Amino acid sequence: MRTLSRIAAVGVMTALTVAVAACSNNEAPSTQAASSSAVAPAAPSAPATTPDDGVTTQADVFGPACSQLPQGDAPGSLSDMGAQPVATAASSNPLLTTLTKAIGAVPGLADTLNAQQGVTVFAPADPAFQAVQQQLGDTAFNALLADPNKLGALLQYHVVGTRYDAESLVAAGRTTQLAGGTLKIGGTPTAPTITDGKGETATVLCGNIPTKNATVFVIDKVLMPAS
């Protein structure tokens, strides 16, 4: 009987030893996995990006007509315009004498433009207005200049409520105007094109002109809305 008891006890001890060993083997991978998870590096976060604000400098200005601007600190020069709000800056630009008169013919428009924060202005050069005068005839053209409502709407069709430089303008592809309606932007950052609501396309004569509250693009056409 004592022999049988001893054999039984040995058997129990052996079984317990095997069970403990099996449990130890099963738990080891879990411990290693938990350890690996604890030391795994976190995925790097994407760097923050700052949107282009459309502000330009004199070094960014481009176009065949830029050489016609006064030099140094003379009225109408890049240095002179850069410190002034857009309507005031345009009034001294020798390329924009007709536009300046048109803005002055609409009560309060100059102040409205000067008060805008961060806009883009497509400014038709003098020959562009001359082409419209020839197209409409003197009577209709003078009637347009004498109608502040129609003239104001036409001029504000040339203003975008977002400030763009040439690169971001071309990237946008389309702009929405202060007066309503849209413009289609094409070309390249060094040679943008602007297509109006009538399907007519203007090119840039002098672009990326900085003013205090706007980036200005002098263009070769008066832009016309679809209706």
Protein backbone atom coordinates (compact mmCIF):
# COMPACT_ATOMS: atom_id res chain seq x y z
CA MET A 1 0.00 0.00 0.00
CA ARG A 2 2.85 2.33 0.84
CA THR A 3 4.41 1.51 -2.50
CA LEU A 4 1.20 2.33 -4.35
CA SER A 5 0.87 5.65 -2.49
CA ARG A 6 4.38 6.61 -3.40
CA ILE A 7 3.79 5.78 -7.06
CA ALA A 8 0.59 7.85 -7.06
CA ALA A 9 2.35 10.80 -5.47
CA VAL A 10 5.16 10.66 -8.02
CA GLY A 11 2.61 10.57 -10.80
CA VAL A 12 0.80 13.66 -9.47
CA MET A 13 4.06 15.59 -9.12
CA THR A 14 5.08 14.69 -12.66
CA ALA A 15 1.73 15.84 -14.06
CA LEU A 16 1.96 19.12 -12.17
CA THR A 17 5.49 19.69 -13.46
CA VAL A 18 4.42 19.10 -17.07
CA ALA A 19 1.40 21.41 -16.68
CA VAL A 20 3.49 24.24 -15.21
CA ALA A 21 6.05 23.92 -17.98
CA ALA A 22 3.32 24.00 -20.62
CA CYS A 23 1.81 27.14 -19.10
CA SER A 24 5.20 28.82 -19.01
CA ASN A 25 5.78 28.07 -22.72
CA ASN A 26 2.35 29.39 -23.70
CA GLU A 27 2.75 32.68 -21.83
CA ALA A 28 6.20 33.57 -23.15
CA PRO A 29 5.10 34.70 -26.66
CA SER A 30 2.39 36.92 -25.18
CA THR A 31 4.92 38.60 -22.90
CA GLN A 32 7.28 39.13 -25.82
CA ALA A 33 4.47 40.53 -27.99
CA ALA A 34 3.41 42.92 -25.25
CA SER A 35 7.01 44.01 -24.84
CA SER A 36 7.36 44.59 -28.61
CA SER A 37 4.16 46.63 -28.65
CA ALA A 38 5.34 48.78 -25.78
CA VAL A 39 8.57 49.84 -27.53
CA ALA A 40 7.18 50.26 -31.08
CA PRO A 41 7.77 53.87 -32.25
CA ALA A 42 4.76 56.06 -33.02
CA ALA A 43 4.10 56.91 -36.68
CA PRO A 44 5.47 60.36 -37.55
CA SER A 45 2.83 63.07 -37.96
CA ALA A 46 2.54 64.98 -41.24
CA PRO A 47 4.26 68.37 -41.20
CA ALA A 48 1.98 71.36 -40.89
CA THR A 49 1.54 73.40 -44.07
CA THR A 50 0.87 77.09 -44.40
CA PRO A 51 -1.48 78.14 -47.22
CA ASP A 52 -0.19 80.61 -49.76
CA ASP A 53 -1.51 84.07 -48.85
CA GLY A 54 -0.97 85.52 -52.32
CA VAL A 55 1.24 88.37 -51.09
CA THR A 56 4.02 89.24 -53.54
CA THR A 57 7.15 91.36 -53.57
CA GLN A 58 8.81 93.49 -56.22
CA ALA A 59 11.01 90.52 -57.11
CA ASP A 60 7.89 88.52 -58.13
CA VAL A 61 6.65 91.03 -60.72
CA PHE A 62 6.69 89.84 -64.32
CA GLY A 63 5.39 90.72 -67.78
CA PRO A 64 6.29 92.74 -70.88
CA ALA A 65 4.67 95.99 -69.71
CA CYS A 66 6.36 96.14 -66.31
CA SER A 67 9.26 98.07 -67.85
CA GLN A 68 6.84 100.94 -68.54
CA LEU A 69 6.33 101.59 -64.83
CA PRO A 70 8.22 104.49 -63.22
CA GLN A 71 11.41 103.50 -61.43
CA GLY A 72 12.67 104.04 -57.91
CA ASP A 73 10.26 105.74 -55.55
CA ALA A 74 8.48 107.81 -58.21
CA PRO A 75 4.66 107.88 -58.20
CA GLY A 76 3.39 104.76 -59.95
CA SER A 77 6.56 102.80 -59.27
CA LEU A 78 6.48 99.42 -57.57
CA SER A 79 7.87 100.94 -54.39
CA ASP A 80 5.21 103.63 -54.40
CA MET A 81 2.29 101.29 -55.09
CA GLY A 82 3.38 98.66 -52.60
CA ALA A 83 2.70 100.90 -49.62
CA GLN A 84 -0.77 102.00 -50.73
CA PRO A 85 -4.19 100.32 -50.90
CA VAL A 86 -5.15 99.15 -54.34
CA ALA A 87 -7.37 101.96 -55.68
CA THR A 88 -4.94 104.62 -54.50
CA ALA A 89 -2.02 102.64 -55.94
CA ALA A 90 -3.75 102.28 -59.31
CA SER A 91 -4.38 106.02 -59.54
CA SER A 92 -0.66 106.68 -60.02
CA ASN A 93 0.02 103.80 -62.41
CA PRO A 94 0.57 105.16 -65.95
CA LEU A 95 -0.89 101.99 -67.47
CA LEU A 96 -4.23 102.46 -65.72
CA THR A 97 -5.40 106.02 -66.34
CA THR A 98 -8.75 105.00 -67.88
CA LEU A 99 -9.41 102.47 -65.11
CA THR A 100 -8.70 105.15 -62.53
CA LYS A 101 -11.24 107.48 -64.15
CA ALA A 102 -13.81 104.69 -64.28
CA ILE A 103 -13.35 103.90 -60.58
CA GLY A 104 -13.73 107.59 -59.77
CA ALA A 105 -17.01 107.68 -61.70
CA VAL A 106 -18.60 105.20 -59.28
CA PRO A 107 -19.34 106.89 -55.93
CA GLY A 108 -17.65 105.10 -53.03
CA LEU A 109 -15.97 102.40 -55.16
CA ALA A 110 -12.41 103.58 -54.50
CA ASP A 111 -13.05 103.51 -50.74
CA THR A 112 -14.64 100.06 -51.02
CA LEU A 113 -11.64 98.68 -52.89
CA ASN A 114 -9.19 100.28 -50.51
CA ALA A 115 -11.01 98.76 -47.55
CA GLN A 116 -10.88 95.20 -48.87
CA GLN A 117 -8.56 92.78 -47.11
CA GLY A 118 -6.60 90.40 -49.30
CA VAL A 119 -8.02 90.64 -52.83
CA THR A 120 -6.85 90.07 -56.40
CA VAL A 121 -7.48 92.78 -59.00
CA PHE A 122 -7.40 92.30 -62.76
CA ALA A 123 -6.71 95.81 -64.04
CA PRO A 124 -7.38 96.49 -67.74
CA ALA A 125 -4.71 98.67 -69.31
CA ASP A 126 -5.73 101.78 -71.23
CA PRO A 127 -5.73 100.08 -74.69
CA ALA A 128 -8.23 97.53 -73.36
CA PHE A 129 -10.78 100.29 -72.69
CA GLN A 130 -10.05 101.80 -76.07
CA ALA A 131 -10.92 98.46 -77.68
CA VAL A 132 -14.26 98.39 -75.82
CA GLN A 133 -14.98 101.95 -76.93
CA GLN A 134 -14.39 100.97 -80.55
CA GLN A 135 -16.55 97.88 -80.15
CA LEU A 136 -19.49 99.65 -78.47
CA GLY A 137 -19.20 102.99 -80.19
CA ASP A 138 -18.72 106.34 -78.49
CA THR A 139 -22.36 106.81 -77.48
CA ALA A 140 -22.75 103.41 -75.78
CA PHE A 141 -19.30 103.63 -74.19
CA ASN A 142 -19.98 107.06 -72.71
CA ALA A 143 -23.37 105.84 -71.49
CA LEU A 144 -21.62 102.99 -69.67
CA LEU A 145 -19.22 105.41 -68.00
CA ALA A 146 -22.17 107.57 -66.97
CA ASP A 147 -24.11 104.69 -65.36
CA PRO A 148 -22.57 104.03 -61.92
CA ASN A 149 -24.60 100.87 -61.35
CA LYS A 150 -23.55 99.12 -64.56
CA LEU A 151 -20.03 100.49 -64.43
CA GLY A 152 -19.61 99.54 -60.77
CA ALA A 153 -20.76 95.98 -61.44
CA LEU A 154 -18.41 95.70 -64.41
CA LEU A 155 -15.43 96.96 -62.44
CA GLN A 156 -16.13 94.68 -59.47
CA TYR A 157 -16.23 91.75 -61.89
CA HIS A 158 -12.47 92.36 -62.09
CA VAL A 159 -11.98 91.82 -58.34
CA VAL A 160 -11.56 88.44 -56.61
CA GLY A 161 -12.27 88.15 -52.89
CA THR A 162 -9.16 86.00 -52.38
CA ARG A 163 -5.61 87.22 -52.74
CA TYR A 164 -3.62 85.20 -55.29
CA ASP A 165 -0.16 85.38 -56.72
CA ALA A 166 0.34 84.02 -60.24
CA GLU A 167 1.24 80.53 -59.07
CA SER A 168 -1.72 80.07 -56.75
CA LEU A 169 -4.02 81.75 -59.28
CA VAL A 170 -3.19 79.22 -61.98
CA ALA A 171 -3.45 76.41 -59.42
CA ALA A 172 -6.97 77.60 -58.47
CA GLY A 173 -8.14 77.31 -62.09
CA ARG A 174 -11.28 79.38 -61.46
CA THR A 175 -12.13 82.45 -59.41
CA THR A 176 -15.34 83.94 -58.05
CA GLN A 177 -15.75 87.68 -58.46
CA LEU A 178 -17.02 90.28 -55.97
CA ALA A 179 -19.82 91.17 -58.38
CA GLY A 180 -20.75 87.52 -58.88
CA GLY A 181 -19.83 85.31 -61.78
CA THR A 182 -16.59 83.46 -62.34
CA LEU A 183 -13.42 83.61 -64.40
CA LYS A 184 -11.50 80.67 -65.80
CA ILE A 185 -7.74 80.75 -65.22
CA GLY A 186 -5.32 78.99 -67.54
CA GLY A 187 -1.78 79.21 -68.81
CA THR A 188 1.25 79.00 -66.56
CA PRO A 189 2.48 80.99 -63.54
CA THR A 190 4.75 82.99 -65.86
CA ALA A 191 2.03 83.51 -68.48
CA PRO A 192 -1.48 83.23 -66.95
CA THR A 193 -4.63 83.64 -69.01
CA ILE A 194 -8.02 84.86 -67.80
CA THR A 195 -11.20 83.87 -69.65
CA ASP A 196 -14.36 85.85 -68.92
CA GLY A 197 -18.05 84.98 -69.00
CA LYS A 198 -18.23 85.75 -72.72
CA GLY A 199 -15.42 83.33 -73.51
CA GLU A 200 -12.89 86.08 -74.28
CA THR A 201 -9.36 85.48 -72.98
CA ALA A 202 -7.05 88.13 -71.57
CA THR A 203 -3.31 87.87 -71.07
CA VAL A 204 -1.19 89.45 -68.35
CA LEU A 205 0.86 92.52 -69.28
CA CYS A 206 2.34 93.01 -65.81
CA GLY A 207 1.50 90.64 -62.99
CA ASN A 208 2.13 90.01 -59.30
CA ILE A 209 2.17 93.76 -58.58
CA PRO A 210 2.05 94.16 -54.79
CA THR A 211 -0.12 96.77 -53.08
CA LYS A 212 -1.02 97.10 -49.42
CA ASN A 213 -4.18 95.01 -49.67
CA ALA A 214 -4.15 93.40 -53.10
CA THR A 215 -2.13 91.66 -55.76
CA VAL A 216 -2.67 93.32 -59.14
CA PHE A 217 -2.51 91.85 -62.65
CA VAL A 218 -2.55 94.41 -65.47
CA ILE A 219 -4.33 92.72 -68.40
CA ASP A 220 -4.97 93.45 -72.07
CA LYS A 221 -8.79 93.14 -72.09
CA VAL A 222 -11.82 94.40 -70.21
CA LEU A 223 -13.46 91.30 -68.75
CA MET A 224 -17.16 90.88 -69.44
CA PRO A 225 -19.58 88.78 -67.36
CA ALA A 226 -21.81 86.21 -69.01
CA SER A 227 -24.85 88.50 -68.75
